[in-house]
All heavy atoms as atom14 arrays in JSON, in Angstrom:
{
  "sequence": "GWALAHCSLARAGRLNSTGERALIVAADYVTETGVAVAAGLHQRA",
  "atom14_mask": [
    [1, 1, 1, 1, 0, 0, 0, 0, 0, 0, 0, 0, 0, 0],
    [1, 1, 1, 1, 1, 1, 1, 1, 1, 1, 1, 1, 1, 1],
    [1, 1, 1, 1, 1, 0, 0, 0, 0, 0, 0, 0, 0, 0],
    [1, 1, 1, 1, 1, 1, 1, 1, 0, 0, 0, 0, 0, 0],
    [1, 1, 1, 1, 1, 0, 0, 0, 0, 0, 0, 0, 0, 0],
    [1, 1, 1, 1, 1, 1, 1, 1, 1, 1, 0, 0, 0, 0],
    [1, 1, 1, 1, 1, 1, 0, 0, 0, 0, 0, 0, 0, 0],
    [1, 1, 1, 1, 1, 1, 0, 0, 0, 0, 0, 0, 0, 0],
    [1, 1, 1, 1, 1, 1, 1, 1, 0, 0, 0, 0, 0, 0],
    [1, 1, 1, 1, 1, 0, 0, 0, 0, 0, 0, 0, 0, 0],
    [1, 1, 1, 1, 1, 1, 1, 1, 1, 1, 1, 0, 0, 0],
    [1, 1, 1, 1, 1, 0, 0, 0, 0, 0, 0, 0, 0, 0],
    [1, 1, 1, 1, 0, 0, 0, 0, 0, 0, 0, 0, 0, 0],
    [1, 1, 1, 1, 1, 1, 1, 1, 1, 1, 1, 0, 0, 0],
    [1, 1, 1, 1, 1, 1, 1, 1, 0, 0, 0, 0, 0, 0],
    [1, 1, 1, 1, 1, 1, 1, 1, 0, 0, 0, 0, 0, 0],
    [1, 1, 1, 1, 1, 1, 0, 0, 0, 0, 0, 0, 0, 0],
    [1, 1, 1, 1, 1, 1, 1, 0, 0, 0, 0, 0, 0, 0],
    [1, 1, 1, 1, 0, 0, 0, 0, 0, 0, 0, 0, 0, 0],
    [1, 1, 1, 1, 1, 1, 1, 1, 1, 0, 0, 0, 0, 0],
    [1, 1, 1, 1, 1, 1, 1, 1, 1, 1, 1, 0, 0, 0],
    [1, 1, 1, 1, 1, 0, 0, 0, 0, 0, 0, 0, 0, 0],
    [1, 1, 1, 1, 1, 1, 1, 1, 0, 0, 0, 0, 0, 0],
    [1, 1, 1, 1, 1, 1, 1, 1, 0, 0, 0, 0, 0, 0],
    [1, 1, 1, 1, 1, 1, 1, 0, 0, 0, 0, 0, 0, 0],
    [1, 1, 1, 1, 1, 0, 0, 0, 0, 0, 0, 0, 0, 0],
    [1, 1, 1, 1, 1, 0, 0, 0, 0, 0, 0, 0, 0, 0],
    [1, 1, 1, 1, 1, 1, 1, 1, 0, 0, 0, 0, 0, 0],
    [1, 1, 1, 1, 1, 1, 1, 1, 1, 1, 1, 1, 0, 0],
    [1, 1, 1, 1, 1, 1, 1, 0, 0, 0, 0, 0, 0, 0],
    [1, 1, 1, 1, 1, 1, 1, 0, 0, 0, 0, 0, 0, 0],
    [1, 1, 1, 1, 1, 1, 1, 1, 1, 0, 0, 0, 0, 0],
    [1, 1, 1, 1, 1, 1, 1, 0, 0, 0, 0, 0, 0, 0],
    [1, 1, 1, 1, 0, 0, 0, 0, 0, 0, 0, 0, 0, 0],
    [1, 1, 1, 1, 1, 1, 1, 0, 0, 0, 0, 0, 0, 0],
    [1, 1, 1, 1, 1, 0, 0, 0, 0, 0, 0, 0, 0, 0],
    [1, 1, 1, 1, 1, 1, 1, 0, 0, 0, 0, 0, 0, 0],
    [1, 1, 1, 1, 1, 0, 0, 0, 0, 0, 0, 0, 0, 0],
    [1, 1, 1, 1, 1, 0, 0, 0, 0, 0, 0, 0, 0, 0],
    [1, 1, 1, 1, 0, 0, 0, 0, 0, 0, 0, 0, 0, 0],
    [1, 1, 1, 1, 1, 1, 1, 1, 0, 0, 0, 0, 0, 0],
    [1, 1, 1, 1, 1, 1, 1, 1, 1, 1, 0, 0, 0, 0],
    [1, 1, 1, 1, 1, 1, 1, 1, 1, 0, 0, 0, 0, 0],
    [1, 1, 1, 1, 1, 1, 1, 1, 1, 1, 1, 0, 0, 0],
    [1, 1, 1, 1, 1, 0, 0, 0, 0, 0, 0, 0, 0, 0]
  ],
  "atom14_positions": [
    [[75.49, 131.91, 50.86], [76.6, 132.2, 51.77], [76.74, 133.69, 52.02], [76.99, 134.13, 53.14], [0.0, 0.0, 0.0], [0.0, 0.0, 0.0], [0.0, 0.0, 0.0], [0.0, 0.0, 0.0], [0.0, 0.0, 0.0], [0.0, 0.0, 0.0], [0.0, 0.0, 0.0], [0.0, 0.0, 0.0], [0.0, 0.0, 0.0], [0.0, 0.0, 0.0]],
    [[76.55, 134.49, 50.99], [76.61, 135.95, 51.11], [75.51, 136.47, 52.03], [75.76, 137.26, 52.93], [76.51, 136.54, 49.7], [76.32, 138.02, 49.63], [77.27, 138.98, 49.83], [75.12, 138.71, 49.29], [76.72, 140.23, 49.63], [75.4, 140.08, 49.3], [73.83, 138.28, 48.97], [74.44, 141.04, 49.01], [72.88, 139.24, 48.68], [73.19, 140.59, 48.7]],
    [[74.29, 136.0, 51.83], [73.18, 136.43, 52.69], [73.37, 135.93, 54.12], [73.14, 136.68, 55.08], [71.85, 135.93, 52.12], [0.0, 0.0, 0.0], [0.0, 0.0, 0.0], [0.0, 0.0, 0.0], [0.0, 0.0, 0.0], [0.0, 0.0, 0.0], [0.0, 0.0, 0.0], [0.0, 0.0, 0.0], [0.0, 0.0, 0.0], [0.0, 0.0, 0.0]],
    [[73.83, 134.68, 54.27], [74.07, 134.15, 55.61], [75.25, 134.83, 56.29], [75.3, 134.92, 57.52], [74.25, 132.63, 55.55], [72.98, 131.86, 55.13], [73.32, 130.42, 54.81], [71.9, 131.97, 56.19], [0.0, 0.0, 0.0], [0.0, 0.0, 0.0], [0.0, 0.0, 0.0], [0.0, 0.0, 0.0], [0.0, 0.0, 0.0], [0.0, 0.0, 0.0]],
    [[76.19, 135.36, 55.5], [77.28, 136.16, 56.08], [76.71, 137.39, 56.75], [77.14, 137.77, 57.85], [78.28, 136.56, 55.0], [0.0, 0.0, 0.0], [0.0, 0.0, 0.0], [0.0, 0.0, 0.0], [0.0, 0.0, 0.0], [0.0, 0.0, 0.0], [0.0, 0.0, 0.0], [0.0, 0.0, 0.0], [0.0, 0.0, 0.0], [0.0, 0.0, 0.0]],
    [[75.72, 138.0, 56.13], [75.07, 139.15, 56.75], [74.33, 138.73, 58.02], [74.3, 139.48, 59.0], [74.12, 139.84, 55.76], [74.85, 140.64, 54.74], [75.42, 141.86, 55.0], [75.13, 140.37, 53.44], [76.0, 142.33, 53.92], [75.85, 141.43, 52.95], [0.0, 0.0, 0.0], [0.0, 0.0, 0.0], [0.0, 0.0, 0.0], [0.0, 0.0, 0.0]],
    [[73.77, 137.52, 58.02], [73.12, 137.01, 59.24], [74.13, 136.81, 60.36], [73.8, 136.95, 61.53], [72.38, 135.7, 58.96], [70.91, 135.91, 57.96], [0.0, 0.0, 0.0], [0.0, 0.0, 0.0], [0.0, 0.0, 0.0], [0.0, 0.0, 0.0], [0.0, 0.0, 0.0], [0.0, 0.0, 0.0], [0.0, 0.0, 0.0], [0.0, 0.0, 0.0]],
    [[75.38, 136.48, 60.0], [76.43, 136.32, 61.01], [76.71, 137.63, 61.74], [77.27, 137.62, 62.83], [77.74, 135.83, 60.37], [77.57, 134.55, 59.8], [0.0, 0.0, 0.0], [0.0, 0.0, 0.0], [0.0, 0.0, 0.0], [0.0, 0.0, 0.0], [0.0, 0.0, 0.0], [0.0, 0.0, 0.0], [0.0, 0.0, 0.0], [0.0, 0.0, 0.0]],
    [[76.33, 138.74, 61.13], [76.52, 140.05, 61.76], [75.33, 140.46, 62.62], [75.38, 141.49, 63.29], [76.75, 141.12, 60.68], [77.96, 140.91, 59.79], [77.97, 141.94, 58.66], [79.24, 140.98, 60.59], [0.0, 0.0, 0.0], [0.0, 0.0, 0.0], [0.0, 0.0, 0.0], [0.0, 0.0, 0.0], [0.0, 0.0, 0.0], [0.0, 0.0, 0.0]],
    [[74.26, 139.65, 62.59], [73.06, 139.98, 63.37], [73.36, 139.95, 64.86], [74.18, 139.16, 65.33], [71.94, 138.99, 63.05], [0.0, 0.0, 0.0], [0.0, 0.0, 0.0], [0.0, 0.0, 0.0], [0.0, 0.0, 0.0], [0.0, 0.0, 0.0], [0.0, 0.0, 0.0], [0.0, 0.0, 0.0], [0.0, 0.0, 0.0], [0.0, 0.0, 0.0]],
    [[72.71, 140.79, 65.56], [72.83, 140.79, 67.02], [71.44, 140.91, 67.61], [70.62, 141.71, 67.15], [73.69, 141.96, 67.5], [75.15, 141.82, 67.09], [75.77, 140.56, 67.76], [77.1, 140.27, 67.26], [77.37, 139.33, 66.37], [76.43, 138.58, 65.87], [78.6, 139.12, 65.98], [0.0, 0.0, 0.0], [0.0, 0.0, 0.0], [0.0, 0.0, 0.0]],
    [[71.18, 140.11, 68.63], [69.88, 140.08, 69.31], [68.75, 139.84, 68.3], [67.68, 140.43, 68.41], [69.66, 141.38, 70.09], [0.0, 0.0, 0.0], [0.0, 0.0, 0.0], [0.0, 0.0, 0.0], [0.0, 0.0, 0.0], [0.0, 0.0, 0.0], [0.0, 0.0, 0.0], [0.0, 0.0, 0.0], [0.0, 0.0, 0.0], [0.0, 0.0, 0.0]],
    [[69.01, 138.96, 67.33], [67.98, 138.6, 66.37], [67.68, 139.68, 65.34], [66.7, 139.59, 64.62], [0.0, 0.0, 0.0], [0.0, 0.0, 0.0], [0.0, 0.0, 0.0], [0.0, 0.0, 0.0], [0.0, 0.0, 0.0], [0.0, 0.0, 0.0], [0.0, 0.0, 0.0], [0.0, 0.0, 0.0], [0.0, 0.0, 0.0], [0.0, 0.0, 0.0]],
    [[68.51, 140.71, 65.25], [68.24, 141.82, 64.34], [69.4, 142.02, 63.37], [70.55, 141.97, 63.75], [67.99, 143.1, 65.12], [66.77, 142.99, 66.01], [66.2, 144.31, 66.42], [66.14, 145.31, 65.39], [65.07, 145.54, 64.62], [64.01, 144.79, 64.74], [65.09, 146.5, 63.73], [0.0, 0.0, 0.0], [0.0, 0.0, 0.0], [0.0, 0.0, 0.0]],
    [[69.04, 142.28, 62.13], [70.01, 142.61, 61.1], [70.05, 144.12, 60.9], [69.05, 144.8, 61.13], [69.61, 141.97, 59.77], [69.62, 140.46, 59.69], [68.9, 140.0, 58.44], [71.05, 139.96, 59.68], [0.0, 0.0, 0.0], [0.0, 0.0, 0.0], [0.0, 0.0, 0.0], [0.0, 0.0, 0.0], [0.0, 0.0, 0.0], [0.0, 0.0, 0.0]],
    [[71.18, 144.63, 60.43], [71.19, 146.04, 60.02], [70.49, 146.13, 58.67], [70.11, 145.11, 58.07], [72.61, 146.61, 60.0], [73.52, 145.9, 58.99], [73.06, 145.34, 58.0], [74.81, 145.93, 59.25], [0.0, 0.0, 0.0], [0.0, 0.0, 0.0], [0.0, 0.0, 0.0], [0.0, 0.0, 0.0], [0.0, 0.0, 0.0], [0.0, 0.0, 0.0]],
    [[70.28, 147.33, 58.15], [69.51, 147.5, 56.91], [70.19, 146.82, 55.72], [69.52, 146.26, 54.85], [69.26, 148.97, 56.63], [70.48, 149.67, 56.48], [0.0, 0.0, 0.0], [0.0, 0.0, 0.0], [0.0, 0.0, 0.0], [0.0, 0.0, 0.0], [0.0, 0.0, 0.0], [0.0, 0.0, 0.0], [0.0, 0.0, 0.0], [0.0, 0.0, 0.0]],
    [[71.53, 146.83, 55.67], [72.25, 146.16, 54.58], [72.01, 144.65, 54.66], [71.79, 143.99, 53.64], [73.75, 146.47, 54.67], [73.93, 147.88, 54.59], [74.52, 145.79, 53.55], [0.0, 0.0, 0.0], [0.0, 0.0, 0.0], [0.0, 0.0, 0.0], [0.0, 0.0, 0.0], [0.0, 0.0, 0.0], [0.0, 0.0, 0.0], [0.0, 0.0, 0.0]],
    [[72.05, 144.1, 55.86], [71.81, 142.68, 56.05], [70.38, 142.29, 55.71], [70.14, 141.23, 55.11], [0.0, 0.0, 0.0], [0.0, 0.0, 0.0], [0.0, 0.0, 0.0], [0.0, 0.0, 0.0], [0.0, 0.0, 0.0], [0.0, 0.0, 0.0], [0.0, 0.0, 0.0], [0.0, 0.0, 0.0], [0.0, 0.0, 0.0], [0.0, 0.0, 0.0]],
    [[69.43, 143.12, 56.1], [68.03, 142.84, 55.76], [67.84, 142.8, 54.25], [67.2, 141.9, 53.72], [67.1, 143.89, 56.37], [66.9, 143.73, 57.85], [65.88, 144.69, 58.41], [65.16, 145.35, 57.63], [65.81, 144.8, 59.64], [0.0, 0.0, 0.0], [0.0, 0.0, 0.0], [0.0, 0.0, 0.0], [0.0, 0.0, 0.0], [0.0, 0.0, 0.0]],
    [[68.42, 143.79, 53.57], [68.3, 143.84, 52.11], [68.95, 142.61, 51.48], [68.38, 141.99, 50.57], [68.94, 145.11, 51.56], [68.78, 145.22, 50.06], [69.51, 146.43, 49.48], [69.48, 146.4, 48.04], [70.16, 145.56, 47.26], [70.95, 144.66, 47.79], [70.07, 145.61, 45.95], [0.0, 0.0, 0.0], [0.0, 0.0, 0.0], [0.0, 0.0, 0.0]],
    [[70.13, 142.23, 51.95], [70.83, 141.06, 51.41], [69.97, 139.8, 51.58], [69.83, 139.01, 50.65], [72.18, 140.87, 52.1], [0.0, 0.0, 0.0], [0.0, 0.0, 0.0], [0.0, 0.0, 0.0], [0.0, 0.0, 0.0], [0.0, 0.0, 0.0], [0.0, 0.0, 0.0], [0.0, 0.0, 0.0], [0.0, 0.0, 0.0], [0.0, 0.0, 0.0]],
    [[69.41, 139.64, 52.75], [68.6, 138.45, 53.03], [67.36, 138.41, 52.13], [67.03, 137.38, 51.55], [68.21, 138.44, 54.5], [67.6, 137.17, 55.04], [68.59, 136.01, 54.95], [67.16, 137.37, 56.48], [0.0, 0.0, 0.0], [0.0, 0.0, 0.0], [0.0, 0.0, 0.0], [0.0, 0.0, 0.0], [0.0, 0.0, 0.0], [0.0, 0.0, 0.0]],
    [[66.69, 139.53, 51.98], [65.46, 139.58, 51.18], [65.76, 139.41, 49.7], [65.09, 138.64, 49.0], [64.7, 140.88, 51.46], [64.13, 140.83, 52.89], [63.58, 141.09, 50.45], [63.61, 142.15, 53.4], [0.0, 0.0, 0.0], [0.0, 0.0, 0.0], [0.0, 0.0, 0.0], [0.0, 0.0, 0.0], [0.0, 0.0, 0.0], [0.0, 0.0, 0.0]],
    [[66.79, 140.09, 49.18], [67.14, 139.96, 47.76], [67.54, 138.52, 47.45], [67.13, 137.96, 46.43], [68.26, 140.96, 47.39], [68.85, 140.66, 46.02], [67.75, 142.38, 47.44], [0.0, 0.0, 0.0], [0.0, 0.0, 0.0], [0.0, 0.0, 0.0], [0.0, 0.0, 0.0], [0.0, 0.0, 0.0], [0.0, 0.0, 0.0], [0.0, 0.0, 0.0]],
    [[68.33, 137.91, 48.32], [68.75, 136.53, 48.09], [67.56, 135.57, 48.18], [67.42, 134.67, 47.34], [69.82, 136.14, 49.1], [0.0, 0.0, 0.0], [0.0, 0.0, 0.0], [0.0, 0.0, 0.0], [0.0, 0.0, 0.0], [0.0, 0.0, 0.0], [0.0, 0.0, 0.0], [0.0, 0.0, 0.0], [0.0, 0.0, 0.0], [0.0, 0.0, 0.0]],
    [[66.69, 135.75, 49.17], [65.51, 134.88, 49.31], [64.59, 135.03, 48.11], [64.05, 134.03, 47.6], [64.77, 135.2, 50.6], [0.0, 0.0, 0.0], [0.0, 0.0, 0.0], [0.0, 0.0, 0.0], [0.0, 0.0, 0.0], [0.0, 0.0, 0.0], [0.0, 0.0, 0.0], [0.0, 0.0, 0.0], [0.0, 0.0, 0.0], [0.0, 0.0, 0.0]],
    [[64.41, 136.25, 47.64], [63.58, 136.46, 46.45], [64.18, 135.74, 45.25], [63.45, 135.08, 44.49], [63.44, 137.95, 46.14], [62.48, 138.68, 47.09], [61.73, 138.01, 47.82], [62.51, 139.92, 47.08], [0.0, 0.0, 0.0], [0.0, 0.0, 0.0], [0.0, 0.0, 0.0], [0.0, 0.0, 0.0], [0.0, 0.0, 0.0], [0.0, 0.0, 0.0]],
    [[65.49, 135.82, 45.08], [66.13, 135.16, 43.94], [65.96, 133.64, 44.03], [65.63, 132.98, 43.03], [67.62, 135.52, 43.87], [68.28, 134.93, 42.65], [68.17, 135.57, 41.42], [68.96, 133.72, 42.71], [68.74, 135.02, 40.28], [69.52, 133.17, 41.57], [69.41, 133.82, 40.37], [69.96, 133.26, 39.24], [0.0, 0.0, 0.0], [0.0, 0.0, 0.0]],
    [[66.15, 133.09, 45.22], [66.02, 131.64, 45.41], [64.61, 131.18, 45.08], [64.42, 130.18, 44.4], [66.42, 131.26, 46.87], [65.94, 129.87, 47.23], [67.92, 131.37, 47.04], [0.0, 0.0, 0.0], [0.0, 0.0, 0.0], [0.0, 0.0, 0.0], [0.0, 0.0, 0.0], [0.0, 0.0, 0.0], [0.0, 0.0, 0.0], [0.0, 0.0, 0.0]],
    [[63.6, 131.93, 45.53], [62.22, 131.5, 45.26], [61.81, 131.76, 43.81], [61.05, 130.99, 43.24], [61.22, 132.18, 46.22], [61.34, 133.59, 46.13], [61.47, 131.73, 47.66], [0.0, 0.0, 0.0], [0.0, 0.0, 0.0], [0.0, 0.0, 0.0], [0.0, 0.0, 0.0], [0.0, 0.0, 0.0], [0.0, 0.0, 0.0], [0.0, 0.0, 0.0]],
    [[62.33, 132.82, 43.2], [61.99, 133.13, 41.81], [62.62, 132.16, 40.82], [62.03, 131.86, 39.78], [62.44, 134.56, 41.46], [61.64, 135.64, 42.14], [62.33, 137.0, 42.07], [63.36, 137.14, 41.37], [61.83, 137.93, 42.74], [0.0, 0.0, 0.0], [0.0, 0.0, 0.0], [0.0, 0.0, 0.0], [0.0, 0.0, 0.0], [0.0, 0.0, 0.0]],
    [[63.82, 131.69, 41.11], [64.54, 130.85, 40.15], [64.49, 129.37, 40.48], [64.9, 128.55, 39.66], [66.01, 131.28, 40.04], [66.62, 131.17, 41.33], [66.12, 132.71, 39.51], [0.0, 0.0, 0.0], [0.0, 0.0, 0.0], [0.0, 0.0, 0.0], [0.0, 0.0, 0.0], [0.0, 0.0, 0.0], [0.0, 0.0, 0.0], [0.0, 0.0, 0.0]],
    [[64.0, 129.03, 41.65], [63.87, 127.62, 42.01], [62.81, 126.94, 41.16], [61.89, 127.58, 40.64], [0.0, 0.0, 0.0], [0.0, 0.0, 0.0], [0.0, 0.0, 0.0], [0.0, 0.0, 0.0], [0.0, 0.0, 0.0], [0.0, 0.0, 0.0], [0.0, 0.0, 0.0], [0.0, 0.0, 0.0], [0.0, 0.0, 0.0], [0.0, 0.0, 0.0]],
    [[62.96, 125.65, 41.0], [62.01, 124.86, 40.21], [61.06, 124.15, 41.16], [61.49, 123.32, 41.97], [62.76, 123.84, 39.33], [61.78, 122.98, 38.53], [63.74, 124.54, 38.4], [0.0, 0.0, 0.0], [0.0, 0.0, 0.0], [0.0, 0.0, 0.0], [0.0, 0.0, 0.0], [0.0, 0.0, 0.0], [0.0, 0.0, 0.0], [0.0, 0.0, 0.0]],
    [[59.77, 124.49, 41.09], [58.77, 123.87, 41.97], [58.56, 122.43, 41.55], [58.3, 122.14, 40.39], [57.46, 124.64, 41.9], [0.0, 0.0, 0.0], [0.0, 0.0, 0.0], [0.0, 0.0, 0.0], [0.0, 0.0, 0.0], [0.0, 0.0, 0.0], [0.0, 0.0, 0.0], [0.0, 0.0, 0.0], [0.0, 0.0, 0.0], [0.0, 0.0, 0.0]],
    [[58.72, 121.53, 42.52], [58.53, 120.1, 42.29], [57.74, 119.56, 43.48], [58.23, 119.59, 44.61], [59.88, 119.36, 42.18], [59.67, 117.88, 41.99], [60.71, 119.93, 41.04], [0.0, 0.0, 0.0], [0.0, 0.0, 0.0], [0.0, 0.0, 0.0], [0.0, 0.0, 0.0], [0.0, 0.0, 0.0], [0.0, 0.0, 0.0], [0.0, 0.0, 0.0]],
    [[56.51, 119.11, 43.2], [55.61, 118.63, 44.26], [55.54, 119.7, 45.35], [55.19, 120.83, 45.07], [56.06, 117.27, 44.78], [0.0, 0.0, 0.0], [0.0, 0.0, 0.0], [0.0, 0.0, 0.0], [0.0, 0.0, 0.0], [0.0, 0.0, 0.0], [0.0, 0.0, 0.0], [0.0, 0.0, 0.0], [0.0, 0.0, 0.0], [0.0, 0.0, 0.0]],
    [[55.89, 119.34, 46.57], [55.83, 120.3, 47.67], [57.18, 120.96, 47.93], [57.37, 121.61, 48.95], [55.34, 119.6, 48.94], [0.0, 0.0, 0.0], [0.0, 0.0, 0.0], [0.0, 0.0, 0.0], [0.0, 0.0, 0.0], [0.0, 0.0, 0.0], [0.0, 0.0, 0.0], [0.0, 0.0, 0.0], [0.0, 0.0, 0.0], [0.0, 0.0, 0.0]],
    [[58.11, 120.81, 47.01], [59.46, 121.32, 47.22], [59.88, 122.35, 46.19], [59.14, 122.68, 45.26], [0.0, 0.0, 0.0], [0.0, 0.0, 0.0], [0.0, 0.0, 0.0], [0.0, 0.0, 0.0], [0.0, 0.0, 0.0], [0.0, 0.0, 0.0], [0.0, 0.0, 0.0], [0.0, 0.0, 0.0], [0.0, 0.0, 0.0], [0.0, 0.0, 0.0]],
    [[61.08, 122.86, 46.39], [61.66, 123.84, 45.49], [63.1, 123.43, 45.24], [63.91, 123.39, 46.17], [61.6, 125.23, 46.14], [62.01, 126.41, 45.28], [61.01, 126.61, 44.14], [62.06, 127.67, 46.14], [0.0, 0.0, 0.0], [0.0, 0.0, 0.0], [0.0, 0.0, 0.0], [0.0, 0.0, 0.0], [0.0, 0.0, 0.0], [0.0, 0.0, 0.0]],
    [[63.43, 123.06, 44.01], [64.79, 122.63, 43.67], [65.6, 123.82, 43.17], [65.15, 124.57, 42.31], [64.77, 121.56, 42.58], [64.23, 120.26, 43.05], [64.06, 119.19, 42.2], [63.84, 119.83, 44.27], [63.58, 118.17, 42.88], [63.43, 118.53, 44.14], [0.0, 0.0, 0.0], [0.0, 0.0, 0.0], [0.0, 0.0, 0.0], [0.0, 0.0, 0.0]],
    [[66.81, 123.95, 43.71], [67.75, 124.95, 43.24], [68.69, 124.25, 42.27], [69.6, 123.56, 42.67], [68.55, 125.55, 44.42], [67.88, 126.7, 45.1], [66.55, 126.37, 45.7], [66.43, 125.52, 46.55], [65.53, 127.04, 45.24], [0.0, 0.0, 0.0], [0.0, 0.0, 0.0], [0.0, 0.0, 0.0], [0.0, 0.0, 0.0], [0.0, 0.0, 0.0]],
    [[68.46, 124.42, 40.97], [69.29, 123.8, 39.95], [70.43, 124.73, 39.59], [70.26, 125.94, 39.55], [68.46, 123.48, 38.71], [67.39, 122.42, 38.97], [66.77, 121.97, 37.66], [66.1, 120.7, 37.81], [66.69, 119.52, 37.87], [67.99, 119.41, 37.8], [66.0, 118.41, 38.01], [0.0, 0.0, 0.0], [0.0, 0.0, 0.0], [0.0, 0.0, 0.0]],
    [[71.59, 124.17, 39.33], [72.76, 124.96, 38.96], [72.48, 125.75, 37.7], [71.79, 125.29, 36.79], [73.96, 124.04, 38.75], [0.0, 0.0, 0.0], [0.0, 0.0, 0.0], [0.0, 0.0, 0.0], [0.0, 0.0, 0.0], [0.0, 0.0, 0.0], [0.0, 0.0, 0.0], [0.0, 0.0, 0.0], [0.0, 0.0, 0.0], [0.0, 0.0, 0.0]]
  ]
}
């Protein structure tokens, strides 16, 4: 939600540098901590 909040501030498909960082840091966390299962990635609490 925090990263997507920064996406809500995007204009013309572009994020500001704070938004880009938020999106990348959040995406990295999701992929690093997700549990790989078959062809998917589970986000466990």
